Amino acid sequence: MKILITGATGFIGSSLTSYLLSKGYTVNYLTTDRDKIKDAVRYHGFYWNPAKSSFDLKALDGVDVIVHLAGASISKRWTPRNKQQMIDSRINSTRFLYQTLKEQKHQVKQLIGASAIGIYEDSLDYIHQEDSLRVDADFLGDLVTQWEAENKKFEELGIWVCLLRIGMVLSKNDGALPELVKPIERYYGAVLGSGEQIHSWIHREDLIYLFEYAISHQLEGVYNAVSPHPITQRELVMDLKTILKKPVFFPRIPTVFLKLILGERHILVTGSQNVSSKKTLNAGFEFKFPEIKMALTNLLK
């Protein structure tokens, strides 16, 4: 089977590409950087540039499934310019991909799109299922709502659409975990905000396995890509302290202080989303790292 990936050189895309190749898939990938184009056995790069309506159509030859990951990182400062880039990189690339498939002959049967649990309303007690109507009213909720709407348009072309709403991805060298580990290792770690906010998370390996599972099992619809066992911020910091064998001297950093430092972006660490993985489990997917201590031990030991 041949897979086409956008965002293949990013945080998730690079690991997914390696895993798919190890499973025998052929991977085509799209990149806006010509220097990143490679051509190897079952691994072929092609140039595209949605901003300039440029697309090497050879990338579509024989492709059965598209995994659409392209989008600017939400971890950088939320200036008006950066926020617009986050929106445009997702919406414009998805629209361009849709228009290209609409106008060209292809054999694509399924599109798997990255999404995010940031669509869900901040809440300490509500458990979000995929059909939750409690959508975040701020920037993240709006961004993800627009993003998903553009992905769902591929259904008009007779393509199955599967959207994975990804939680906090735990990885040794990328994402949120290194930023949480660093202050603890340097003896100034602390609980962020109230400590009661709930983090719905997933080990990067499990996320990669879930993408492949969605391909091999032809999943359709929205699925929460989170572990079955969410945790509070306080529990996460305490587990990190135990595994790293470091003390946490400061009780907590108040939310008001985090707002001053991070601005609107503070919601990434102080927001609370208790997200259910029941539908994902019911689809037959088995997590390798369902418990936080298992995940952290694997990543940090």
Protein backbone atom coordinates (compact mmCIF):
# COMPACT_ATOMS: atom_id res chain seq x y z
CA MET A 1 0.00 0.00 0.00
CA LYS A 2 1.22 3.48 -0.83
CA ILE A 3 0.75 6.37 1.61
CA LEU A 4 1.18 10.08 0.91
CA ILE A 5 2.15 12.17 3.93
CA THR A 6 2.12 15.94 4.35
CA GLY A 7 4.24 17.23 7.23
CA ALA A 8 6.36 14.07 6.99
CA THR A 9 9.53 15.73 8.31
CA GLY A 10 7.89 17.13 11.44
CA PHE A 11 7.60 15.92 15.04
CA ILE A 12 4.98 13.25 14.31
CA GLY A 13 5.55 12.79 10.60
CA SER A 14 9.19 11.68 10.84
CA SER A 15 8.38 8.89 13.31
CA LEU A 16 5.29 7.84 11.39
CA THR A 17 7.26 7.64 8.16
CA SER A 18 9.91 5.40 9.73
CA TYR A 19 7.26 3.13 11.23
CA LEU A 20 5.28 2.79 8.00
CA LEU A 21 8.44 1.92 6.10
CA SER A 22 9.27 -0.74 8.70
CA LYS A 23 5.77 -2.22 8.17
CA GLY A 24 6.31 -2.53 4.42
CA TYR A 25 4.35 0.47 3.19
CA THR A 26 5.59 2.71 0.41
CA VAL A 27 5.69 6.36 1.50
CA ASN A 28 5.43 9.40 -0.71
CA TYR A 29 5.77 12.71 1.08
CA LEU A 30 5.19 16.36 0.25
CA THR A 31 7.57 19.09 1.37
CA THR A 32 7.91 22.82 0.77
CA ASP A 33 11.70 22.51 1.11
CA ARG A 34 13.37 21.21 -2.05
CA ASP A 35 16.48 20.33 -0.03
CA LYS A 36 14.43 17.75 1.89
CA ILE A 37 13.40 15.84 -1.22
CA LYS A 38 14.85 12.32 -1.22
CA ASP A 39 14.30 9.29 -3.41
CA ALA A 40 14.98 5.88 -1.91
CA VAL A 41 13.46 2.41 -1.82
CA ARG A 42 9.74 2.86 -0.98
CA TYR A 43 10.45 6.45 0.13
CA HIS A 44 9.91 9.31 -2.32
CA GLY A 45 9.77 13.05 -1.77
CA PHE A 46 7.86 15.57 -3.87
CA TYR A 47 7.68 19.34 -3.85
CA TRP A 48 4.54 21.28 -3.08
CA ASN A 49 3.86 24.86 -2.08
CA PRO A 50 0.21 25.64 -1.31
CA ALA A 51 0.95 29.38 -1.11
CA LYS A 52 2.10 29.30 -4.74
CA SER A 53 -0.36 26.63 -5.94
CA SER A 54 2.53 24.32 -6.76
CA PHE A 55 2.08 20.54 -6.57
CA ASP A 56 4.14 17.77 -8.15
CA LEU A 57 1.31 15.52 -9.32
CA LYS A 58 3.61 12.49 -9.49
CA ALA A 59 3.19 12.39 -5.71
CA LEU A 60 -0.35 11.02 -6.22
CA ASP A 61 0.62 8.10 -8.44
CA GLY A 62 -0.67 4.88 -6.91
CA VAL A 63 -1.51 6.51 -3.57
CA ASP A 64 -4.25 4.78 -1.54
CA VAL A 65 -4.21 6.87 1.66
CA ILE A 66 -3.22 10.44 2.53
CA VAL A 67 -2.04 11.29 6.04
CA HIS A 68 -2.39 15.05 6.38
CA LEU A 69 -0.21 16.44 9.17
CA ALA A 70 0.91 19.78 7.75
CA GLY A 71 0.53 22.78 10.06
CA ALA A 72 2.68 25.34 11.88
CA SER A 73 3.51 24.57 15.52
CA ILE A 74 1.21 26.06 18.17
CA SER A 75 4.04 26.12 20.73
CA LYS A 76 5.57 29.39 19.56
CA ARG A 77 4.36 32.74 20.92
CA TRP A 78 0.75 33.55 20.04
CA THR A 79 1.34 36.88 18.38
CA PRO A 80 -1.32 37.96 15.87
CA ARG A 81 1.10 37.11 13.06
CA ASN A 82 1.95 33.65 14.42
CA LYS A 83 -1.69 32.83 15.12
CA GLN A 84 -2.58 33.69 11.54
CA GLN A 85 0.25 31.45 10.33
CA MET A 86 -1.12 28.60 12.44
CA ILE A 87 -4.52 29.05 10.80
CA ASP A 88 -3.28 29.59 7.25
CA SER A 89 -0.81 26.68 7.31
CA ARG A 90 -3.66 24.31 8.13
CA ILE A 91 -6.60 25.77 6.25
CA ASN A 92 -4.83 26.79 3.05
CA SER A 93 -2.85 23.56 2.71
CA THR A 94 -6.00 21.48 3.25
CA ARG A 95 -7.99 23.50 0.72
CA PHE A 96 -5.18 23.21 -1.82
CA LEU A 97 -4.95 19.46 -1.31
CA TYR A 98 -8.73 19.15 -1.69
CA GLN A 99 -8.76 21.21 -4.88
CA THR A 100 -5.92 19.17 -6.35
CA LEU A 101 -7.71 15.88 -5.73
CA LYS A 102 -10.94 17.33 -7.07
CA GLU A 103 -9.28 18.27 -10.36
CA GLN A 104 -6.99 15.25 -10.87
CA LYS A 105 -7.48 11.55 -11.44
CA HIS A 106 -6.38 9.56 -8.41
CA GLN A 107 -7.10 6.38 -6.44
CA VAL A 108 -7.08 7.87 -2.95
CA LYS A 109 -9.65 6.09 -0.78
CA GLN A 110 -8.94 7.52 2.67
CA LEU A 111 -7.65 10.69 4.27
CA ILE A 112 -6.41 10.64 7.86
CA GLY A 113 -6.14 14.13 9.27
CA ALA A 114 -4.38 15.34 12.40
CA SER A 115 -6.64 17.26 14.76
CA ALA A 116 -6.37 18.24 18.42
CA ILE A 117 -8.23 17.97 21.71
CA GLY A 118 -7.85 21.74 21.90
CA ILE A 119 -11.28 21.80 20.26
CA TYR A 120 -12.83 20.82 23.61
CA GLU A 121 -13.97 23.30 26.25
CA ASP A 122 -11.73 23.82 29.28
CA SER A 123 -13.34 21.90 32.15
CA LEU A 124 -12.25 20.10 35.31
CA ASP A 125 -15.14 17.67 35.49
CA TYR A 126 -16.76 17.18 32.06
CA ILE A 127 -15.56 14.10 30.14
CA HIS A 128 -15.36 14.83 26.42
CA GLN A 129 -16.47 12.21 23.91
CA GLU A 130 -15.98 12.70 20.17
CA ASP A 131 -19.55 14.01 19.81
CA SER A 132 -19.13 16.59 22.58
CA LEU A 133 -20.82 19.91 21.77
CA ARG A 134 -18.84 21.76 24.43
CA VAL A 135 -16.37 23.45 22.08
CA ASP A 136 -13.67 25.84 23.29
CA ALA A 137 -14.74 29.42 22.54
CA ASP A 138 -11.21 30.80 22.26
CA PHE A 139 -8.42 30.59 19.68
CA LEU A 140 -7.68 26.86 19.84
CA GLY A 141 -11.31 25.84 19.59
CA ASP A 142 -11.82 28.06 16.57
CA LEU A 143 -8.61 26.86 14.91
CA VAL A 144 -9.42 23.16 15.29
CA THR A 145 -13.07 23.63 14.27
CA GLN A 146 -12.00 25.30 11.01
CA TRP A 147 -9.28 22.69 10.44
CA GLU A 148 -11.66 19.75 10.85
CA ALA A 149 -14.30 21.35 8.63
CA GLU A 150 -11.80 21.61 5.78
CA ASN A 151 -10.73 17.98 6.21
CA LYS A 152 -14.32 16.75 6.21
CA LYS A 153 -14.86 18.25 2.74
CA PHE A 154 -12.88 15.35 1.27
CA GLU A 155 -15.97 13.22 1.88
CA GLU A 156 -17.55 15.12 -1.03
CA LEU A 157 -14.95 13.42 -3.25
CA GLY A 158 -15.95 9.94 -2.07
CA ILE A 159 -12.93 9.69 0.26
CA TRP A 160 -13.28 8.27 3.78
CA VAL A 161 -12.13 10.79 6.35
CA CYS A 162 -10.67 9.85 9.71
CA LEU A 163 -9.70 12.61 12.14
CA LEU A 164 -7.46 11.91 15.14
CA ARG A 165 -7.87 14.45 17.93
CA ILE A 166 -4.43 14.33 19.47
CA GLY A 167 -3.75 15.06 23.13
CA MET A 168 -0.46 15.99 24.83
CA VAL A 169 2.13 13.90 22.99
CA LEU A 170 4.86 12.55 25.26
CA SER A 171 8.26 12.11 23.62
CA LYS A 172 11.76 12.09 25.03
CA ASN A 173 13.22 14.82 22.85
CA ASP A 174 10.26 16.77 21.45
CA GLY A 175 6.98 18.32 22.53
CA ALA A 176 5.92 19.15 26.08
CA LEU A 177 7.85 16.52 28.07
CA PRO A 178 11.40 17.97 27.72
CA GLU A 179 10.06 21.36 28.86
CA LEU A 180 8.55 19.74 31.95
CA VAL A 181 11.65 17.69 32.70
CA LYS A 182 14.19 20.50 32.37
CA PRO A 183 13.19 22.57 35.44
CA ILE A 184 12.82 19.47 37.62
CA GLU A 185 16.32 18.31 36.69
CA ARG A 186 17.61 21.79 37.57
CA TYR A 187 15.86 21.76 40.95
CA TYR A 188 13.32 24.50 40.25
CA GLY A 189 10.43 22.39 39.04
CA ALA A 190 6.93 23.20 40.24
CA VAL A 191 3.29 22.39 39.67
CA LEU A 192 1.87 24.74 37.04
CA GLY A 193 -1.35 26.61 37.81
CA SER A 194 -3.79 24.99 40.23
CA GLY A 195 -2.36 21.54 39.59
CA GLU A 196 -5.90 20.17 39.30
CA GLN A 197 -6.15 20.69 35.53
CA ILE A 198 -6.43 17.42 33.63
CA HIS A 199 -3.99 16.44 30.90
CA SER A 200 -5.17 13.93 28.32
CA TRP A 201 -1.95 12.55 26.89
CA ILE A 202 -0.53 9.88 24.60
CA HIS A 203 2.91 8.30 24.21
CA ARG A 204 4.33 9.12 20.79
CA GLU A 205 4.70 5.42 19.95
CA ASP A 206 1.02 4.82 20.64
CA LEU A 207 0.10 7.78 18.45
CA ILE A 208 2.19 6.40 15.59
CA TYR A 209 0.62 2.97 16.05
CA LEU A 210 -2.85 4.56 16.02
CA PHE A 211 -2.20 6.29 12.71
CA GLU A 212 -1.16 2.97 11.19
CA TYR A 213 -4.15 1.25 12.82
CA ALA A 214 -6.46 3.81 11.20
CA ILE A 215 -4.90 2.97 7.84
CA SER A 216 -4.93 -0.81 8.15
CA HIS A 217 -8.45 -0.90 9.64
CA GLN A 218 -9.88 1.80 7.36
CA LEU A 219 -11.22 3.86 10.26
CA GLU A 220 -13.68 6.61 9.42
CA GLY A 221 -14.92 9.45 11.59
CA VAL A 222 -13.43 11.24 14.61
CA TYR A 223 -11.34 9.45 17.23
CA ASN A 224 -9.67 10.81 20.35
CA ALA A 225 -5.96 9.99 20.29
CA VAL A 226 -5.39 9.94 24.04
CA SER A 227 -4.47 7.37 26.69
CA PRO A 228 -7.36 5.75 28.60
CA HIS A 229 -5.97 7.28 31.81
CA PRO A 230 -5.73 11.10 31.90
CA ILE A 231 -3.88 12.67 34.84
CA THR A 232 -3.79 15.94 36.71
CA GLN A 233 -0.91 18.36 36.31
CA ARG A 234 0.11 17.75 39.90
CA GLU A 235 0.23 13.98 39.36
CA LEU A 236 2.37 14.45 36.26
CA VAL A 237 4.91 16.63 38.07
CA MET A 238 5.04 14.29 41.07
CA ASP A 239 5.55 11.24 38.85
CA LEU A 240 8.34 13.05 37.01
CA LYS A 241 9.93 13.96 40.34
CA THR A 242 9.87 10.31 41.43
CA ILE A 243 11.23 8.88 38.18
CA LEU A 244 13.96 11.53 37.90
CA LYS A 245 14.73 11.21 41.62
CA LYS A 246 14.68 14.98 42.05
CA PRO A 247 12.93 17.11 44.68
CA VAL A 248 10.32 19.71 43.74
CA PHE A 249 11.02 22.67 46.00
CA PHE A 250 8.37 25.09 44.78
CA PRO A 251 4.74 24.15 45.55
CA ARG A 252 3.25 25.68 42.40
CA ILE A 253 3.43 28.56 39.95
CA PRO A 254 0.13 30.49 40.08
CA THR A 255 -1.95 30.77 36.92
CA VAL A 256 -1.83 34.57 37.06
CA PHE A 257 1.96 34.42 36.82
CA LEU A 258 1.83 31.97 33.90
CA LYS A 259 -0.53 34.36 32.11
CA LEU A 260 2.04 37.13 32.48
CA ILE A 261 4.83 34.93 31.10
CA LEU A 262 2.98 33.05 28.36
CA GLY A 263 0.08 35.35 27.55
CA GLU A 264 -2.85 33.66 25.83
CA ARG A 265 -0.67 30.59 25.28
CA HIS A 266 -0.86 29.76 29.01
CA ILE A 267 -3.93 27.66 28.20
CA LEU A 268 -1.58 24.96 26.85
CA VAL A 269 -0.43 24.22 30.41
CA THR A 270 -3.29 25.51 32.56
CA GLY A 271 -6.19 24.30 30.45
CA SER A 272 -8.07 21.15 31.45
CA GLN A 273 -9.52 18.60 29.06
CA ASN A 274 -10.63 15.23 30.36
CA VAL A 275 -10.95 13.34 27.09
CA SER A 276 -12.29 9.82 26.66
CA SER A 277 -10.58 7.18 24.51
CA LYS A 278 -13.55 4.80 24.73
CA LYS A 279 -14.38 4.99 21.02
CA THR A 280 -10.75 4.33 20.09
CA LEU A 281 -10.65 1.30 22.39
CA ASN A 282 -13.98 0.05 21.05
CA ALA A 283 -12.48 0.15 17.56
CA GLY A 284 -10.04 -2.50 18.77
CA PHE A 285 -6.94 -0.39 19.29
CA GLU A 286 -4.69 -1.47 22.18
CA PHE A 287 -2.40 1.04 23.85
CA LYS A 288 1.16 -0.07 24.57
CA PHE A 289 1.48 2.65 27.23
CA PRO A 290 -1.94 3.20 28.82
CA GLU A 291 -0.57 4.36 32.21
CA ILE A 292 1.50 7.50 32.75
CA LYS A 293 4.17 5.80 34.88
CA MET A 294 4.70 3.19 32.16
CA ALA A 295 5.07 5.93 29.55
CA LEU A 296 7.41 8.14 31.59
CA THR A 297 9.58 5.21 32.65
CA ASN A 298 9.94 4.14 29.02
CA LEU A 299 10.88 7.64 27.91
CA LEU A 300 13.13 8.74 30.75
CA LYS A 301 14.91 5.63 32.03
